[in-house]
Amino acid sequence: MSHTLPTLWTPPGLVVSPHIAWKDRWSFNGDFERPVFGPSLNTWWGGETYKRDNGEKWIVPLHRCHSFIGCNGAQPGQIVFLSDCTHALANQVRELPEIVSDEDGLQ
């Protein structure tokens, strides 16, 4: 799942971030090789109930991913998944995957 983080950081040549029109929420050191974000990133998804065509209810469980990137136990370029994550990476520290770009943009 991809996310856009509203920050005041802008790439060289840009005056205003295209992603935000209000006060910044996160800090970013501007380093795409060894990023540091602050404070933590806390994402929730799911928790919805849907009705299938046959009338049966389908409940999507509530999920959480809560992490620090490059701070509070993670070195720059690492992500530490906190214990309140509902996925298998909870309580683990991992290297961030490489960001690869192509003609259409970032992948």
Protein backbone atom coordinates (compact mmCIF):
# COMPACT_ATOMS: atom_id res chain seq x y z
CA MET A 1 0.00 0.00 0.00
CA SER A 2 1.50 3.37 -0.94
CA HIS A 3 1.12 6.60 1.01
CA THR A 4 1.83 10.26 0.45
CA LEU A 5 3.20 12.03 3.50
CA PRO A 6 2.49 15.75 3.69
CA THR A 7 5.75 17.48 4.67
CA LEU A 8 7.28 20.90 4.14
CA TRP A 9 10.29 19.31 2.39
CA THR A 10 10.38 20.04 -1.33
CA PRO A 11 12.67 18.74 -4.06
CA PRO A 12 15.29 21.21 -5.35
CA GLY A 13 13.66 23.77 -7.65
CA LEU A 14 10.19 23.57 -6.08
CA VAL A 15 9.03 26.34 -3.78
CA VAL A 16 5.86 24.71 -2.39
CA SER A 17 5.18 21.02 -1.91
CA PRO A 18 2.53 19.77 -4.35
CA HIS A 19 1.23 17.39 -1.67
CA ILE A 20 0.16 19.78 1.02
CA ALA A 21 -1.74 22.99 1.48
CA TRP A 22 -1.79 23.01 5.27
CA LYS A 23 0.71 22.79 8.11
CA ASP A 24 3.24 19.99 7.85
CA ARG A 25 2.60 16.80 9.78
CA TRP A 26 5.90 14.93 9.36
CA SER A 27 9.53 15.81 8.98
CA PHE A 28 11.70 14.30 6.23
CA ASN A 29 15.46 14.65 5.89
CA GLY A 30 15.27 14.75 2.06
CA ASP A 31 17.53 11.71 1.67
CA PHE A 32 15.93 9.06 -0.56
CA GLU A 33 18.78 6.60 0.09
CA ARG A 34 18.66 6.75 3.92
CA PRO A 35 15.42 8.53 4.83
CA VAL A 36 14.45 9.73 8.28
CA PHE A 37 10.79 10.57 8.98
CA GLY A 38 9.37 11.89 12.20
CA PRO A 39 7.29 11.34 14.18
CA SER A 40 5.96 7.79 13.76
CA LEU A 41 3.81 6.64 10.86
CA ASN A 42 0.53 5.12 12.03
CA THR A 43 -1.78 3.68 9.38
CA TRP A 44 -5.17 2.01 9.89
CA TRP A 45 -7.26 0.25 7.27
CA GLY A 46 -10.17 -2.14 7.19
CA GLY A 47 -12.90 -2.38 9.80
CA GLU A 48 -15.62 -2.05 7.18
CA THR A 49 -18.60 -4.30 6.65
CA TYR A 50 -19.78 -4.96 3.11
CA LYS A 51 -22.86 -6.71 1.79
CA ARG A 52 -22.34 -9.24 -1.00
CA ASP A 53 -24.83 -9.65 -3.85
CA ASN A 54 -26.33 -12.69 -2.11
CA GLY A 55 -26.99 -10.60 1.04
CA GLU A 56 -24.17 -12.19 3.05
CA LYS A 57 -22.08 -9.77 5.14
CA TRP A 58 -18.35 -9.55 4.55
CA ILE A 59 -16.31 -7.97 7.35
CA VAL A 60 -12.82 -6.65 6.64
CA PRO A 61 -10.78 -6.88 9.86
CA LEU A 62 -9.21 -3.70 11.21
CA HIS A 63 -5.47 -3.59 10.47
CA ARG A 64 -2.74 -1.32 11.81
CA CYS A 65 0.83 -0.55 10.75
CA HIS A 66 2.75 1.67 13.16
CA SER A 67 6.44 2.35 12.54
CA PHE A 68 9.45 4.60 12.89
CA ILE A 69 11.61 5.26 9.84
CA GLY A 70 15.20 6.18 10.60
CA CYS A 71 14.63 7.20 14.23
CA ASN A 72 13.60 5.87 17.66
CA GLY A 73 15.43 2.57 17.28
CA ALA A 74 15.76 2.53 13.49
CA GLN A 75 18.87 3.80 11.76
CA PRO A 76 18.48 6.05 8.69
CA GLY A 77 17.23 3.78 5.89
CA GLN A 78 15.61 1.33 8.30
CA ILE A 79 12.05 0.89 9.50
CA VAL A 80 11.11 -0.44 12.93
CA PHE A 81 7.62 -1.91 13.13
CA LEU A 82 6.13 -1.30 16.57
CA SER A 83 4.45 -3.93 18.74
CA ASP A 84 0.95 -2.57 18.07
CA CYS A 85 1.13 -3.58 14.37
CA THR A 86 -1.40 -6.25 13.45
CA HIS A 87 0.83 -7.83 10.77
CA ALA A 88 3.71 -10.31 10.88
CA LEU A 89 6.45 -7.62 10.90
CA ALA A 90 5.49 -6.32 14.37
CA ASN A 91 8.56 -5.90 16.64
CA GLN A 92 10.99 -6.20 13.70
CA VAL A 93 13.57 -3.84 12.20
CA ARG A 94 14.00 -4.02 8.41
CA GLU A 95 16.01 -2.23 5.75
CA LEU A 96 13.81 -0.10 3.52
CA PRO A 97 13.51 -1.46 -0.02
CA GLU A 98 15.22 0.42 -2.82
CA ILE A 99 13.07 2.95 -4.67
CA VAL A 100 13.31 2.32 -8.41
CA SER A 101 12.20 4.84 -10.98
CA ASP A 102 11.18 4.32 -14.58
CA GLU A 103 9.88 6.59 -17.35
CA ASP A 104 6.47 6.79 -15.67
CA GLY A 105 7.81 7.80 -12.25
CA LEU A 106 8.57 6.03 -9.00
CA GLN A 107 7.62 2.41 -8.43
